[in-house]
Amino acid sequence: METETNPENGQVINLRDKVVLAIKQVYDPEIPVDVYDLGLIYEITVYPVNNVYVQMTLTSPNCPSAEFIPSEVKDKIQQIQGVNNVEVEVTFDPPYSQDMMSEAAKLELGFL
């Protein structure tokens, strides 16, 4: 059996790690940072039957990309071998704030 490793750190990756790497391929077209590092992902749950639940938010309720970002997150996760059902829920509670960004995102966007 072939073992997959994270290209960022060489560690063996589990399904949750694969989900995170897939989500990191999704970008808000107006911001050069992926949605994971932006802090838009509130929860990732991988159930024993390889169903995946993601709770996320958007930068604002009026986000012009509101229609396609959640569906792109879902599509990227569904492409992972072994994943069964994927559910992506969008919430605005708590509301998004820049404090949710990773240090790397803040640096990329000039907030540090």
PDB file of N, CA and C in Angstrom:
ATOM      1  N   MET A   1       0.839  -1.180   0.000  1.00  0.00           N
ATOM      2  CA  MET A   1       0.000   0.000   0.000  1.00  0.00           C
ATOM      3  C   MET A   1       0.885   1.244   0.000  1.00  0.00           C
ATOM      4  N   GLU A   2       0.575   2.171  -0.860  1.00  0.00           N
ATOM      5  CA  GLU A   2       1.381   3.382  -0.990  1.00  0.00           C
ATOM      6  C   GLU A   2       0.947   4.406   0.060  1.00  0.00           C
ATOM      7  N   THR A   3       1.898   5.012   0.721  1.00  0.00           N
ATOM      8  CA  THR A   3       1.619   6.013   1.736  1.00  0.00           C
ATOM      9  C   THR A   3       1.796   7.393   1.124  1.00  0.00           C
ATOM     10  N   GLU A   4       0.817   8.273   1.381  1.00  0.00           N
ATOM     11  CA  GLU A   4       0.929   9.638   0.884  1.00  0.00           C
ATOM     12  C   GLU A   4       1.533  10.521   1.957  1.00  0.00           C
ATOM     13  N   THR A   5       2.326  11.494   1.524  1.00  0.00           N
ATOM     14  CA  THR A   5       2.912  12.444   2.466  1.00  0.00           C
ATOM     15  C   THR A   5       2.542  13.862   2.067  1.00  0.00           C
ATOM     16  N   ASN A   6       2.500  14.715   3.065  1.00  0.00           N
ATOM     17  CA  ASN A   6       2.195  16.116   2.856  1.00  0.00           C
ATOM     18  C   ASN A   6       3.390  16.776   2.175  1.00  0.00           C
ATOM     19  N   PRO A   7       3.163  17.432   1.029  1.00  0.00           N
ATOM     20  CA  PRO A   7       4.287  18.075   0.335  1.00  0.00           C
ATOM     21  C   PRO A   7       4.890  19.232   1.123  1.00  0.00           C
ATOM     22  N   GLU A   8       4.126  19.791   2.083  1.00  0.00           N
ATOM     23  CA  GLU A   8       4.624  20.923   2.860  1.00  0.00           C
ATOM     24  C   GLU A   8       5.606  20.497   3.942  1.00  0.00           C
ATOM     25  N   ASN A   9       5.376  19.291   4.552  1.00  0.00           N
ATOM     26  CA  ASN A   9       6.236  18.918   5.668  1.00  0.00           C
ATOM     27  C   ASN A   9       6.719  17.464   5.642  1.00  0.00           C
ATOM     28  N   GLY A  10       6.316  16.692   4.647  1.00  0.00           N
ATOM     29  CA  GLY A  10       6.773  15.317   4.515  1.00  0.00           C
ATOM     30  C   GLY A  10       6.115  14.324   5.461  1.00  0.00           C
ATOM     31  N   GLN A  11       5.156  14.771   6.265  1.00  0.00           N
ATOM     32  CA  GLN A  11       4.472  13.888   7.205  1.00  0.00           C
ATOM     33  C   GLN A  11       3.452  13.018   6.467  1.00  0.00           C
ATOM     34  N   VAL A  12       3.214  11.810   6.991  1.00  0.00           N
ATOM     35  CA  VAL A  12       2.168  10.942   6.451  1.00  0.00           C
ATOM     36  C   VAL A  12       0.834  11.630   6.698  1.00  0.00           C
ATOM     37  N   ILE A  13      -0.023  11.625   5.686  1.00  0.00           N
ATOM     38  CA  ILE A  13      -1.285  12.347   5.835  1.00  0.00           C
ATOM     39  C   ILE A  13      -2.478  11.410   5.913  1.00  0.00           C
ATOM     40  N   ASN A  14      -3.442  11.798   6.750  1.00  0.00           N
ATOM     41  CA  ASN A  14      -4.685  11.064   6.872  1.00  0.00           C
ATOM     42  C   ASN A  14      -5.750  11.760   6.022  1.00  0.00           C
ATOM     43  N   LEU A  15      -6.968  11.261   6.066  1.00  0.00           N
ATOM     44  CA  LEU A  15      -8.016  11.815   5.213  1.00  0.00           C
ATOM     45  C   LEU A  15      -8.312  13.273   5.557  1.00  0.00           C
ATOM     46  N   ARG A  16      -8.291  13.625   6.843  1.00  0.00           N
ATOM     47  CA  ARG A  16      -8.559  15.013   7.212  1.00  0.00           C
ATOM     48  C   ARG A  16      -7.490  15.930   6.617  1.00  0.00           C
ATOM     49  N   ASP A  17      -6.232  15.485   6.654  1.00  0.00           N
ATOM     50  CA  ASP A  17      -5.148  16.271   6.054  1.00  0.00           C
ATOM     51  C   ASP A  17      -5.371  16.448   4.552  1.00  0.00           C
ATOM     52  N   LYS A  18      -5.842  15.385   3.900  1.00  0.00           N
ATOM     53  CA  LYS A  18      -6.120  15.470   2.456  1.00  0.00           C
ATOM     54  C   LYS A  18      -7.230  16.477   2.192  1.00  0.00           C
ATOM     55  N   VAL A  19      -8.228  16.504   3.073  1.00  0.00           N
ATOM     56  CA  VAL A  19      -9.328  17.466   2.938  1.00  0.00           C
ATOM     57  C   VAL A  19      -8.782  18.893   3.056  1.00  0.00           C
ATOM     58  N   VAL A  20      -7.921  19.119   4.039  1.00  0.00           N
ATOM     59  CA  VAL A  20      -7.329  20.453   4.213  1.00  0.00           C
ATOM     60  C   VAL A  20      -6.527  20.847   2.978  1.00  0.00           C
ATOM     61  N   LEU A  21      -5.709  19.932   2.466  1.00  0.00           N
ATOM     62  CA  LEU A  21      -4.923  20.234   1.259  1.00  0.00           C
ATOM     63  C   LEU A  21      -5.824  20.537   0.068  1.00  0.00           C
ATOM     64  N   ALA A  22      -6.960  19.831  -0.039  1.00  0.00           N
ATOM     65  CA  ALA A  22      -7.905  20.089  -1.131  1.00  0.00           C
ATOM     66  C   ALA A  22      -8.528  21.475  -0.975  1.00  0.00           C
ATOM     67  N   ILE A  23      -8.925  21.811   0.244  1.00  0.00           N
ATOM     68  CA  ILE A  23      -9.541  23.120   0.502  1.00  0.00           C
ATOM     69  C   ILE A  23      -8.541  24.240   0.210  1.00  0.00           C
ATOM     70  N   LYS A  24      -7.250  23.996   0.461  1.00  0.00           N
ATOM     71  CA  LYS A  24      -6.224  25.019   0.224  1.00  0.00           C
ATOM     72  C   LYS A  24      -6.030  25.307  -1.274  1.00  0.00           C
ATOM     73  N   GLN A  25      -6.702  24.559  -2.132  1.00  0.00           N
ATOM     74  CA  GLN A  25      -6.643  24.826  -3.573  1.00  0.00           C
ATOM     75  C   GLN A  25      -7.725  25.810  -4.008  1.00  0.00           C
ATOM     76  N   VAL A  26      -8.603  26.203  -3.081  1.00  0.00           N
ATOM     77  CA  VAL A  26      -9.724  27.092  -3.396  1.00  0.00           C
ATOM     78  C   VAL A  26      -9.378  28.509  -2.933  1.00  0.00           C
ATOM     79  N   TYR A  27      -9.515  29.443  -3.847  1.00  0.00           N
ATOM     80  CA  TYR A  27      -9.197  30.842  -3.569  1.00  0.00           C
ATOM     81  C   TYR A  27     -10.406  31.728  -3.825  1.00  0.00           C
ATOM     82  N   ASP A  28     -10.540  32.772  -3.026  1.00  0.00           N
ATOM     83  CA  ASP A  28     -11.473  33.848  -3.334  1.00  0.00           C
ATOM     84  C   ASP A  28     -10.809  34.606  -4.479  1.00  0.00           C
ATOM     85  N   PRO A  29     -11.495  34.807  -5.602  1.00  0.00           N
ATOM     86  CA  PRO A  29     -10.838  35.433  -6.759  1.00  0.00           C
ATOM     87  C   PRO A  29     -10.346  36.854  -6.508  1.00  0.00           C
ATOM     88  N   GLU A  30     -10.841  37.504  -5.469  1.00  0.00           N
ATOM     89  CA  GLU A  30     -10.425  38.874  -5.192  1.00  0.00           C
ATOM     90  C   GLU A  30      -9.263  38.944  -4.196  1.00  0.00           C
ATOM     91  N   ILE A  31      -8.900  37.785  -3.608  1.00  0.00           N
ATOM     92  CA  ILE A  31      -7.865  37.766  -2.560  1.00  0.00           C
ATOM     93  C   ILE A  31      -6.867  36.656  -2.893  1.00  0.00           C
ATOM     94  N   PRO A  32      -5.575  36.955  -2.922  1.00  0.00           N
ATOM     95  CA  PRO A  32      -4.580  35.947  -3.323  1.00  0.00           C
ATOM     96  C   PRO A  32      -4.180  34.975  -2.206  1.00  0.00           C
ATOM     97  N   VAL A  33      -5.158  34.568  -1.387  1.00  0.00           N
ATOM     98  CA  VAL A  33      -4.920  33.653  -0.274  1.00  0.00           C
ATOM     99  C   VAL A  33      -6.020  32.595  -0.314  1.00  0.00           C
ATOM    100  N   ASP A  34      -5.661  31.333  -0.028  1.00  0.00           N
ATOM    101  CA  ASP A  34      -6.676  30.275  -0.072  1.00  0.00           C
ATOM    102  C   ASP A  34      -7.685  30.433   1.065  1.00  0.00           C
ATOM    103  N   VAL A  35      -8.872  29.839   0.888  1.00  0.00           N
ATOM    104  CA  VAL A  35      -9.964  30.018   1.845  1.00  0.00           C
ATOM    105  C   VAL A  35      -9.644  29.429   3.221  1.00  0.00           C
ATOM    106  N   TYR A  36      -8.775  28.415   3.284  1.00  0.00           N
ATOM    107  CA  TYR A  36      -8.392  27.838   4.572  1.00  0.00           C
ATOM    108  C   TYR A  36      -7.553  28.845   5.368  1.00  0.00           C
ATOM    109  N   ASP A  37      -6.529  29.406   4.731  1.00  0.00           N
ATOM    110  CA  ASP A  37      -5.673  30.374   5.415  1.00  0.00           C
ATOM    111  C   ASP A  37      -6.391  31.695   5.678  1.00  0.00           C
ATOM    112  N   LEU A  38      -7.420  32.002   4.890  1.00  0.00           N
ATOM    113  CA  LEU A  38      -8.219  33.193   5.156  1.00  0.00           C
ATOM    114  C   LEU A  38      -9.032  33.038   6.442  1.00  0.00           C
ATOM    115  N   GLY A  39      -9.193  31.800   6.898  1.00  0.00           N
ATOM    116  CA  GLY A  39      -9.977  31.566   8.106  1.00  0.00           C
ATOM    117  C   GLY A  39     -11.453  31.348   7.830  1.00  0.00           C
ATOM    118  N   LEU A  40     -11.787  31.031   6.582  1.00  0.00           N
ATOM    119  CA  LEU A  40     -13.193  30.835   6.225  1.00  0.00           C
ATOM    120  C   LEU A  40     -13.728  29.457   6.617  1.00  0.00           C
ATOM    121  N   ILE A  41     -12.841  28.541   6.979  1.00  0.00           N
ATOM    122  CA  ILE A  41     -13.266  27.187   7.353  1.00  0.00           C
ATOM    123  C   ILE A  41     -13.371  27.117   8.875  1.00  0.00           C
ATOM    124  N   TYR A  42     -14.574  26.896   9.376  1.00  0.00           N
ATOM    125  CA  TYR A  42     -14.807  26.832  10.818  1.00  0.00           C
ATOM    126  C   TYR A  42     -14.674  25.417  11.366  1.00  0.00           C
ATOM    127  N   GLU A  43     -15.075  24.432  10.574  1.00  0.00           N
ATOM    128  CA  GLU A  43     -15.080  23.062  11.079  1.00  0.00           C
ATOM    129  C   GLU A  43     -14.878  22.086   9.936  1.00  0.00           C
ATOM    130  N   ILE A  44     -14.098  21.044  10.180  1.00  0.00           N
ATOM    131  CA  ILE A  44     -13.945  19.922   9.251  1.00  0.00           C
ATOM    132  C   ILE A  44     -14.139  18.658  10.083  1.00  0.00           C
ATOM    133  N   THR A  45     -15.131  17.850   9.710  1.00  0.00           N
ATOM    134  CA  THR A  45     -15.369  16.587  10.396  1.00  0.00           C
ATOM    135  C   THR A  45     -15.318  15.475   9.365  1.00  0.00           C
ATOM    136  N   VAL A  46     -14.485  14.468   9.627  1.00  0.00           N
ATOM    137  CA  VAL A  46     -14.440  13.280   8.777  1.00  0.00           C
ATOM    138  C   VAL A  46     -15.012  12.138   9.607  1.00  0.00           C
ATOM    139  N   TYR A  47     -16.122  11.590   9.135  1.00  0.00           N
ATOM    140  CA  TYR A  47     -16.789  10.507   9.849  1.00  0.00           C
ATOM    141  C   TYR A  47     -16.158   9.164   9.476  1.00  0.00           C
ATOM    142  N   PRO A  48     -16.333   8.131  10.327  1.00  0.00           N
ATOM    143  CA  PRO A  48     -15.699   6.824  10.094  1.00  0.00           C
ATOM    144  C   PRO A  48     -16.013   6.204   8.724  1.00  0.00           C
ATOM    145  N   VAL A  49     -17.127   6.566   8.108  1.00  0.00           N
ATOM    146  CA  VAL A  49     -17.468   6.013   6.791  1.00  0.00           C
ATOM    147  C   VAL A  49     -16.946   6.910   5.659  1.00  0.00           C
ATOM    148  N   ASN A  50     -16.008   7.812   6.011  1.00  0.00           N
ATOM    149  CA  ASN A  50     -15.381   8.735   5.050  1.00  0.00           C
ATOM    150  C   ASN A  50     -16.342   9.751   4.440  1.00  0.00           C
ATOM    151  N   ASN A  51     -17.404  10.065   5.191  1.00  0.00           N
ATOM    152  CA  ASN A  51     -18.218  11.215   4.833  1.00  0.00           C
ATOM    153  C   ASN A  51     -17.549  12.436   5.439  1.00  0.00           C
ATOM    154  N   VAL A  52     -17.622  13.566   4.742  1.00  0.00           N
ATOM    155  CA  VAL A  52     -16.942  14.779   5.191  1.00  0.00           C
ATOM    156  C   VAL A  52     -17.963  15.896   5.346  1.00  0.00           C
ATOM    157  N   TYR A  53     -17.888  16.578   6.493  1.00  0.00           N
ATOM    158  CA  TYR A  53     -18.726  17.748   6.760  1.00  0.00           C
ATOM    159  C   TYR A  53     -17.805  18.947   6.951  1.00  0.00           C
ATOM    160  N   VAL A  54     -18.110  20.032   6.241  1.00  0.00           N
ATOM    161  CA  VAL A  54     -17.344  21.268   6.372  1.00  0.00           C
ATOM    162  C   VAL A  54     -18.312  22.396   6.681  1.00  0.00           C
ATOM    163  N   GLN A  55     -18.000  23.134   7.746  1.00  0.00           N
ATOM    164  CA  GLN A  55     -18.755  24.352   8.033  1.00  0.00           C
ATOM    165  C   GLN A  55     -17.824  25.510   7.722  1.00  0.00           C
ATOM    166  N   MET A  56     -18.310  26.434   6.926  1.00  0.00           N
ATOM    167  CA  MET A  56     -17.472  27.551   6.501  1.00  0.00           C
ATOM    168  C   MET A  56     -18.282  28.829   6.464  1.00  0.00           C
ATOM    169  N   THR A  57     -17.587  29.921   6.272  1.00  0.00           N
ATOM    170  CA  THR A  57     -18.236  31.207   6.112  1.00  0.00           C
ATOM    171  C   THR A  57     -17.669  31.874   4.870  1.00  0.00           C
ATOM    172  N   LEU A  58     -18.115  33.070   4.603  1.00  0.00           N
ATOM    173  CA  LEU A  58     -17.595  33.885   3.513  1.00  0.00           C
ATOM    174  C   LEU A  58     -17.165  35.218   4.108  1.00  0.00           C
ATOM    175  N   THR A  59     -16.385  35.985   3.373  1.00  0.00           N
ATOM    176  CA  THR A  59     -15.897  37.242   3.931  1.00  0.00           C
ATOM    177  C   THR A  59     -17.037  38.206   4.248  1.00  0.00           C
ATOM    178  N   SER A  60     -18.167  38.073   3.530  1.00  0.00           N
ATOM    179  CA  SER A  60     -19.366  38.862   3.842  1.00  0.00           C
ATOM    180  C   SER A  60     -20.578  38.158   3.249  1.00  0.00           C
ATOM    181  N   PRO A  61     -21.768  38.411   3.816  1.00  0.00           N
ATOM    182  CA  PRO A  61     -22.977  37.795   3.258  1.00  0.00           C
ATOM    183  C   PRO A  61     -23.233  38.211   1.803  1.00  0.00           C
ATOM    184  N   ASN A  62     -22.690  39.365   1.412  1.00  0.00           N
ATOM    185  CA  ASN A  62     -22.880  39.864   0.044  1.00  0.00           C
ATOM    186  C   ASN A  62     -21.714  39.524  -0.867  1.00  0.00           C
ATOM    187  N   CYS A  63     -20.883  38.560  -0.450  1.00  0.00           N
ATOM    188  CA  CYS A  63     -19.711  38.166  -1.223  1.00  0.00           C
ATOM    189  C   CYS A  63     -20.122  37.787  -2.647  1.00  0.00           C
ATOM    190  N   PRO A  64     -19.519  38.416  -3.679  1.00  0.00           N
ATOM    191  CA  PRO A  64     -19.885  38.094  -5.055  1.00  0.00           C
ATOM    192  C   PRO A  64     -19.579  36.641  -5.432  1.00  0.00           C
ATOM    193  N   SER A  65     -18.703  35.996  -4.692  1.00  0.00           N
ATOM    194  CA  SER A  65     -18.336  34.614  -4.982  1.00  0.00           C
ATOM    195  C   SER A  65     -19.114  33.610  -4.132  1.00  0.00           C
ATOM    196  N   ALA A  66     -20.176  34.070  -3.475  1.00  0.00           N
ATOM    197  CA  ALA A  66     -20.940  33.231  -2.543  1.00  0.00           C
ATOM    198  C   ALA A  66     -21.481  31.969  -3.194  1.00  0.00           C
ATOM    199  N   GLU A  67     -21.788  32.037  -4.462  1.00  0.00           N
ATOM    200  CA  GLU A  67     -22.359  30.867  -5.131  1.00  0.00           C
ATOM    201  C   GLU A  67     -21.313  29.813  -5.433  1.00  0.00           C
ATOM    202  N   PHE A  68     -20.117  30.233  -5.833  1.00  0.00           N
ATOM    203  CA  PHE A  68     -19.189  29.222  -6.323  1.00  0.00           C
ATOM    204  C   PHE A  68     -18.123  28.765  -5.327  1.00  0.00           C
ATOM    205  N   ILE A  69     -17.760  29.559  -4.318  1.00  0.00           N
ATOM    206  CA  ILE A  69     -16.716  29.124  -3.389  1.00  0.00           C
ATOM    207  C   ILE A  69     -17.128  27.862  -2.632  1.00  0.00           C
ATOM    208  N   PRO A  70     -18.318  27.814  -1.998  1.00  0.00           N
ATOM    209  CA  PRO A  70     -18.701  26.568  -1.305  1.00  0.00           C
ATOM    210  C   PRO A  70     -18.789  25.364  -2.244  1.00  0.00           C
ATOM    211  N   SER A  71     -19.284  25.557  -3.455  1.00  0.00           N
ATOM    212  CA  SER A  71     -19.377  24.420  -4.381  1.00  0.00           C
ATOM    213  C   SER A  71     -17.996  23.988  -4.858  1.00  0.00           C
ATOM    214  N   GLU A  72     -17.061  24.929  -4.977  1.00  0.00           N
ATOM    215  CA  GLU A  72     -15.695  24.559  -5.356  1.00  0.00           C
ATOM    216  C   GLU A  72     -15.013  23.783  -4.221  1.00  0.00           C
ATOM    217  N   VAL A  73     -15.261  24.195  -2.970  1.00  0.00           N
ATOM    218  CA  VAL A  73     -14.733  23.452  -1.812  1.00  0.00           C
ATOM    219  C   VAL A  73     -15.260  22.017  -1.866  1.00  0.00           C
ATOM    220  N   LYS A  74     -16.561  21.872  -2.082  1.00  0.00           N
ATOM    221  CA  LYS A  74     -17.173  20.540  -2.145  1.00  0.00           C
ATOM    222  C   LYS A  74     -16.581  19.717  -3.285  1.00  0.00           C
ATOM    223  N   ASP A  75     -16.437  20.315  -4.452  1.00  0.00           N
ATOM    224  CA  ASP A  75     -15.884  19.605  -5.617  1.00  0.00           C
ATOM    225  C   ASP A  75     -14.455  19.119  -5.345  1.00  0.00           C
ATOM    226  N   LYS A  76     -13.625  19.975  -4.751  1.00  0.00           N
ATOM    227  CA  LYS A  76     -12.228  19.592  -4.474  1.00  0.00           C
ATOM    228  C   LYS A  76     -12.173  18.416  -3.500  1.00  0.00           C
ATOM    229  N   ILE A  77     -13.039  18.431  -2.481  1.00  0.00           N
ATOM    230  CA  ILE A  77     -13.053  17.344  -1.498  1.00  0.00           C
ATOM    231  C   ILE A  77     -13.555  16.049  -2.146  1.00  0.00           C
ATOM    232  N   GLN A  78     -14.565  16.156  -3.009  1.00  0.00           N
ATOM    233  CA  GLN A  78     -15.117  14.962  -3.661  1.00  0.00           C
ATOM    234  C   GLN A  78     -14.103  14.288  -4.581  1.00  0.00           C
ATOM    235  N   GLN A  79     -13.083  15.010  -5.009  1.00  0.00           N
ATOM    236  CA  GLN A  79     -12.063  14.438  -5.879  1.00  0.00           C
ATOM    237  C   GLN A  79     -11.064  13.561  -5.129  1.00  0.00           C
ATOM    238  N   ILE A  80     -11.106  13.592  -3.788  1.00  0.00           N
ATOM    239  CA  ILE A  80     -10.182  12.790  -2.979  1.00  0.00           C
ATOM    240  C   ILE A  80     -10.630  11.336  -3.015  1.00  0.00           C
ATOM    241  N   GLN A  81      -9.703  10.464  -3.361  1.00  0.00           N
ATOM    242  CA  GLN A  81     -10.010   9.037  -3.415  1.00  0.00           C
ATOM    243  C   GLN A  81     -10.420   8.546  -2.025  1.00  0.00           C
ATOM    244  N   GLY A  82     -11.535   7.823  -1.969  1.00  0.00           N
ATOM    245  CA  GLY A  82     -12.006   7.257  -0.715  1.00  0.00           C
ATOM    246  C   GLY A  82     -13.078   8.076  -0.021  1.00  0.00           C
ATOM    247  N   VAL A  83     -13.282   9.322  -0.429  1.00  0.00           N
ATOM    248  CA  VAL A  83     -14.316  10.153   0.182  1.00  0.00           C
ATOM    249  C   VAL A  83     -15.678   9.739  -0.379  1.00  0.00           C
ATOM    250  N   ASN A  84     -16.640   9.595   0.516  1.00  0.00           N
ATOM    251  CA  ASN A  84     -17.999   9.257   0.094  1.00  0.00           C
ATOM    252  C   ASN A  84     -18.822  10.529  -0.077  1.00  0.00           C
ATOM    253  N   ASN A  85     -19.640  10.858   0.888  1.00  0.00           N
ATOM    254  CA  ASN A  85     -20.516  12.022   0.819  1.00  0.00           C
ATOM    255  C   ASN A  85     -19.812  13.254   1.381  1.00  0.00           C
ATOM    256  N   VAL A  86     -20.052  14.418   0.760  1.00  0.00           N
ATOM    257  CA  VAL A  86     -19.488  15.678   1.231  1.00  0.00           C
ATOM    258  C   VAL A  86     -20.624  16.666   1.440  1.00  0.00           C
ATOM    259  N   GLU A  87     -20.648  17.267   2.623  1.00  0.00           N
ATOM    260  CA  GLU A  87     -21.634  18.311   2.904  1.00  0.00           C
ATOM    261  C   GLU A  87     -20.880  19.571   3.304  1.00  0.00           C
ATOM    262  N   VAL A  88     -21.202  20.682   2.629  1.00  0.00           N
ATOM    263  CA  VAL A  88     -20.602  21.974   2.960  1.00  0.00           C
ATOM    264  C   VAL A  88     -21.728  22.895   3.391  1.00  0.00           C
ATOM    265  N   GLU A  89     -21.627  23.391   4.611  1.00  0.00           N
ATOM    266  CA  GLU A  89     -22.627  24.304   5.158  1.00  0.00           C
ATOM    267  C   GLU A  89     -21.999  25.680   5.309  1.00  0.00           C
ATOM    268  N   VAL A  90     -22.720  26.706   4.848  1.00  0.00           N
ATOM    269  CA  VAL A  90     -22.247  28.086   4.983  1.00  0.00           C
ATOM    270  C   VAL A  90     -23.002  28.728   6.143  1.00  0.00           C
ATOM    271  N   THR A  91     -22.252  29.378   7.018  1.00  0.00           N
ATOM    272  CA  THR A  91     -22.840  30.072   8.159  1.00  0.00           C
ATOM    273  C   THR A  91     -22.211  31.452   8.282  1.00  0.00           C
ATOM    274  N   PHE A  92     -22.930  32.351   8.919  1.00  0.00           N
ATOM    275  CA  PHE A  92     -22.366  33.678   9.197  1.00  0.00           C
ATOM    276  C   PHE A  92     -22.350  33.937  10.699  1.00  0.00           C
ATOM    277  N   ASP A  93     -22.367  32.841  11.465  1.00  0.00           N
ATOM    278  CA  ASP A  93     -22.318  32.928  12.917  1.00  0.00           C
ATOM    279  C   ASP A  93     -21.198  32.041  13.430  1.00  0.00           C
ATOM    280  N   PRO A  94     -20.090  32.555  13.895  1.00  0.00           N
ATOM    281  CA  PRO A  94     -19.829  33.987  14.084  1.00  0.00           C
ATOM    282  C   PRO A  94     -19.464  34.666  12.767  1.00  0.00           C
ATOM    283  N   PRO A  95     -19.677  35.966  12.696  1.00  0.00           N
ATOM    284  CA  PRO A  95     -19.312  36.698  11.486  1.00  0.00           C
ATOM    285  C   PRO A  95     -17.802  36.650  11.249  1.00  0.00           C
ATOM    286  N   TYR A  96     -17.424  36.673   9.993  1.00  0.00           N
ATOM    287  CA  TYR A  96     -16.003  36.643   9.630  1.00  0.00           C
ATOM    288  C   TYR A  96     -15.313  37.924  10.080  1.00  0.00           C
ATOM    289  N   SER A  97     -14.072  37.779  10.540  1.00  0.00           N
ATOM    290  CA  SER A  97     -13.236  38.949  10.819  1.00  0.00           C
ATOM    291  C   SER A  97     -11.803  38.617  10.400  1.00  0.00           C
ATOM    292  N   GLN A  98     -11.002  39.630  10.192  1.00  0.00           N
ATOM    293  CA  GLN A  98      -9.616  39.435   9.754  1.00  0.00           C
ATOM    294  C   GLN A  98      -8.786  38.709  10.804  1.00  0.00           C
ATOM    295  N   ASP A  99      -9.234  38.686  12.048  1.00  0.00           N
ATOM    296  CA  ASP A  99      -8.522  37.970  13.107  1.00  0.00           C
ATOM    297  C   ASP A  99      -8.487  36.471  12.852  1.00  0.00           C
ATOM    298  N   MET A 100      -9.363  35.965  11.985  1.00  0.00           N
ATOM    299  CA  MET A 100      -9.454  34.534  11.697  1.00  0.00           C
ATOM    300  C   MET A 100      -8.395  34.067  10.700  1.00  0.00           C
ATOM    301  N   MET A 101      -7.697  35.012  10.072  1.00  0.00           N
ATOM    302  CA  MET A 101      -6.677  34.665   9.080  1.00  0.00           C
ATOM    303  C   MET A 101      -5.461  34.031   9.739  1.00  0.00           C
ATOM    304  N   SER A 102      -4.797  33.153   9.010  1.00  0.00           N
ATOM    305  CA  SER A 102      -3.526  32.604   9.478  1.00  0.00           C
ATOM    306  C   SER A 102      -2.466  33.710   9.411  1.00  0.00           C
ATOM    307  N   GLU A 103      -1.364  33.493  10.123  1.00  0.00           N
ATOM    308  CA  GLU A 103      -0.258  34.458  10.072  1.00  0.00           C
ATOM    309  C   GLU A 103       0.239  34.619   8.635  1.00  0.00           C
ATOM    310  N   ALA A 104       0.303  33.497   7.897  1.00  0.00           N
ATOM    311  CA  ALA A 104       0.773  33.545   6.506  1.00  0.00           C
ATOM    312  C   ALA A 104      -0.144  34.416   5.653  1.00  0.00           C
ATOM    313  N   ALA A 105      -1.458  34.304   5.867  1.00  0.00           N
ATOM    314  CA  ALA A 105      -2.407  35.112   5.103  1.00  0.00           C
ATOM    315  C   ALA A 105      -2.255  36.591   5.440  1.00  0.00           C
ATOM    316  N   LYS A 106      -2.115  36.886   6.736  1.00  0.00           N
ATOM    317  CA  LYS A 106      -1.938  38.287   7.139  1.00  0.00           C
ATOM    318  C   LYS A 106      -0.673  38.872   6.525  1.00  0.00           C
ATOM    319  N   LEU A 107       0.389  38.091   6.492  1.00  0.00           N
ATOM    320  CA  LEU A 107       1.644  38.532   5.900  1.00  0.00           C
ATOM    321  C   LEU A 107       1.479  38.765   4.398  1.00  0.00           C
ATOM    322  N   GLU A 108       0.838  37.816   3.714  1.00  0.00           N
ATOM    323  CA  GLU A 108       0.611  37.928   2.267  1.00  0.00           C
ATOM    324  C   GLU A 108      -0.191  39.173   1.919  1.00  0.00           C
ATOM    325  N   LEU A 109      -1.155  39.508   2.770  1.00  0.00           N
ATOM    326  CA  LEU A 109      -2.041  40.642   2.486  1.00  0.00           C
ATOM    327  C   LEU A 109      -1.544  41.949   3.100  1.00  0.00           C
ATOM    328  N   GLY A 110      -0.371  41.913   3.743  1.00  0.00           N
ATOM    329  CA  GLY A 110       0.218  43.123   4.271  1.00  0.00           C
ATOM    330  C   GLY A 110      -0.370  43.592   5.589  1.00  0.00           C
ATOM    331  N   PHE A 111      -0.992  42.688   6.336  1.00  0.00           N
ATOM    332  CA  PHE A 111      -1.563  43.075   7.636  1.00  0.00           C
ATOM    333  C   PHE A 111      -0.563  42.934   8.781  1.00  0.00           C
ATOM    334  N   LEU A 112       0.625  42.411   8.511  1.00  0.00           N
ATOM    335  CA  LEU A 112       1.654  42.281   9.552  1.00  0.00           C
ATOM    336  C   LEU A 112       2.849  43.154   9.210  1.00  0.00           C
TER     337      LEU A 112
END
